[in-house]
Amino acid sequence: MTMFKCHVCGHHAAKSELVSEVFNLAGRRVLVERIPAQVCEHCGEATFSRETTEAIRQMLHGAGQPVKTVPLDVFAMA
């Protein structure tokens, strides 16, 4: 069993959760929901396994189809 160590804050406590993440593909924003992740209990940073990362990569590059499309409001700080 691999020991968890957060790459952001260095803490060792994590919990398994399903998270959502926005990816930027050639200027297009894509939301992936229900991603299995280890989430740091101290800072909240989500970490994905290699297998999960590869599955996301394949899904976003042609092996999957979106389950829905939603409008997105965009704001910019001055």
Protein backbone atom coordinates (compact mmCIF):
# COMPACT_ATOMS: atom_id res chain seq x y z
CA MET A 1 0.00 0.00 0.00
CA THR A 2 1.33 3.43 -0.99
CA MET A 3 1.45 6.11 1.67
CA PHE A 4 -0.30 9.33 0.69
CA LYS A 5 1.69 12.57 0.82
CA CYS A 6 0.05 15.74 -0.48
CA HIS A 7 2.21 17.39 -3.14
CA VAL A 8 0.86 20.83 -2.11
CA CYS A 9 1.07 20.91 1.70
CA GLY A 10 2.96 17.70 2.56
CA HIS A 11 0.34 16.25 4.91
CA HIS A 12 -0.32 12.49 4.96
CA ALA A 13 -4.07 12.24 5.68
CA ALA A 14 -6.43 11.79 2.71
CA LYS A 15 -9.94 10.58 2.07
CA SER A 16 -11.42 8.97 -1.04
CA GLU A 17 -13.95 11.19 -2.79
CA LEU A 18 -15.56 11.75 -6.17
CA VAL A 19 -14.57 15.21 -7.45
CA SER A 20 -15.20 17.42 -10.45
CA GLU A 21 -12.38 19.04 -12.42
CA VAL A 22 -12.27 21.53 -15.31
CA PHE A 23 -9.69 20.84 -18.03
CA ASN A 24 -8.56 23.24 -20.75
CA LEU A 25 -8.29 21.57 -24.18
CA ALA A 26 -7.00 23.90 -26.89
CA GLY A 27 -8.87 26.87 -25.40
CA ARG A 28 -12.04 24.88 -24.70
CA ARG A 29 -13.08 24.24 -21.11
CA VAL A 30 -14.31 20.73 -20.31
CA LEU A 31 -15.83 19.60 -17.01
CA VAL A 32 -15.34 16.00 -15.87
CA GLU A 33 -17.55 14.93 -12.96
CA ARG A 34 -17.36 12.00 -10.53
CA ILE A 35 -13.58 11.51 -10.76
CA PRO A 36 -12.27 9.13 -8.07
CA ALA A 37 -9.56 10.96 -6.12
CA GLN A 38 -7.59 11.04 -2.91
CA VAL A 39 -8.35 14.41 -1.31
CA CYS A 40 -5.95 15.86 1.25
CA GLU A 41 -7.74 16.31 4.57
CA HIS A 42 -5.61 19.37 5.36
CA CYS A 43 -5.69 21.54 2.20
CA GLY A 44 -8.31 19.82 0.00
CA GLU A 45 -6.01 19.15 -2.96
CA ALA A 46 -7.27 16.25 -5.11
CA THR A 47 -4.81 13.66 -6.40
CA PHE A 48 -5.65 11.15 -9.14
CA SER A 49 -4.14 7.71 -9.70
CA ARG A 50 -2.21 7.02 -12.90
CA GLU A 51 -5.05 4.82 -14.10
CA THR A 52 -7.62 7.56 -13.49
CA THR A 53 -5.44 10.17 -15.20
CA GLU A 54 -5.06 7.93 -18.24
CA ALA A 55 -8.81 7.21 -18.36
CA ILE A 56 -9.52 10.98 -18.29
CA ARG A 57 -6.95 11.58 -21.04
CA GLN A 58 -8.52 8.92 -23.26
CA MET A 59 -12.05 10.19 -22.58
CA LEU A 60 -11.16 13.78 -23.47
CA HIS A 61 -9.22 12.84 -26.59
CA GLY A 62 -11.90 10.89 -28.38
CA ALA A 63 -12.80 7.74 -26.45
CA GLY A 64 -15.80 9.34 -24.76
CA GLN A 65 -18.77 11.56 -25.49
CA PRO A 66 -20.13 14.29 -23.20
CA VAL A 67 -23.19 13.31 -21.16
CA LYS A 68 -24.47 16.90 -21.40
CA THR A 69 -23.50 20.41 -22.49
CA VAL A 70 -24.09 23.44 -20.28
CA PRO A 71 -23.64 27.20 -20.78
CA LEU A 72 -20.78 28.80 -18.86
CA ASP A 73 -20.58 32.37 -17.57
CA VAL A 74 -17.06 33.83 -17.75
CA PHE A 75 -15.84 36.64 -15.52
CA ALA A 76 -12.46 38.39 -15.56
CA MET A 77 -10.78 40.29 -12.75
CA ALA A 78 -9.78 43.84 -13.75
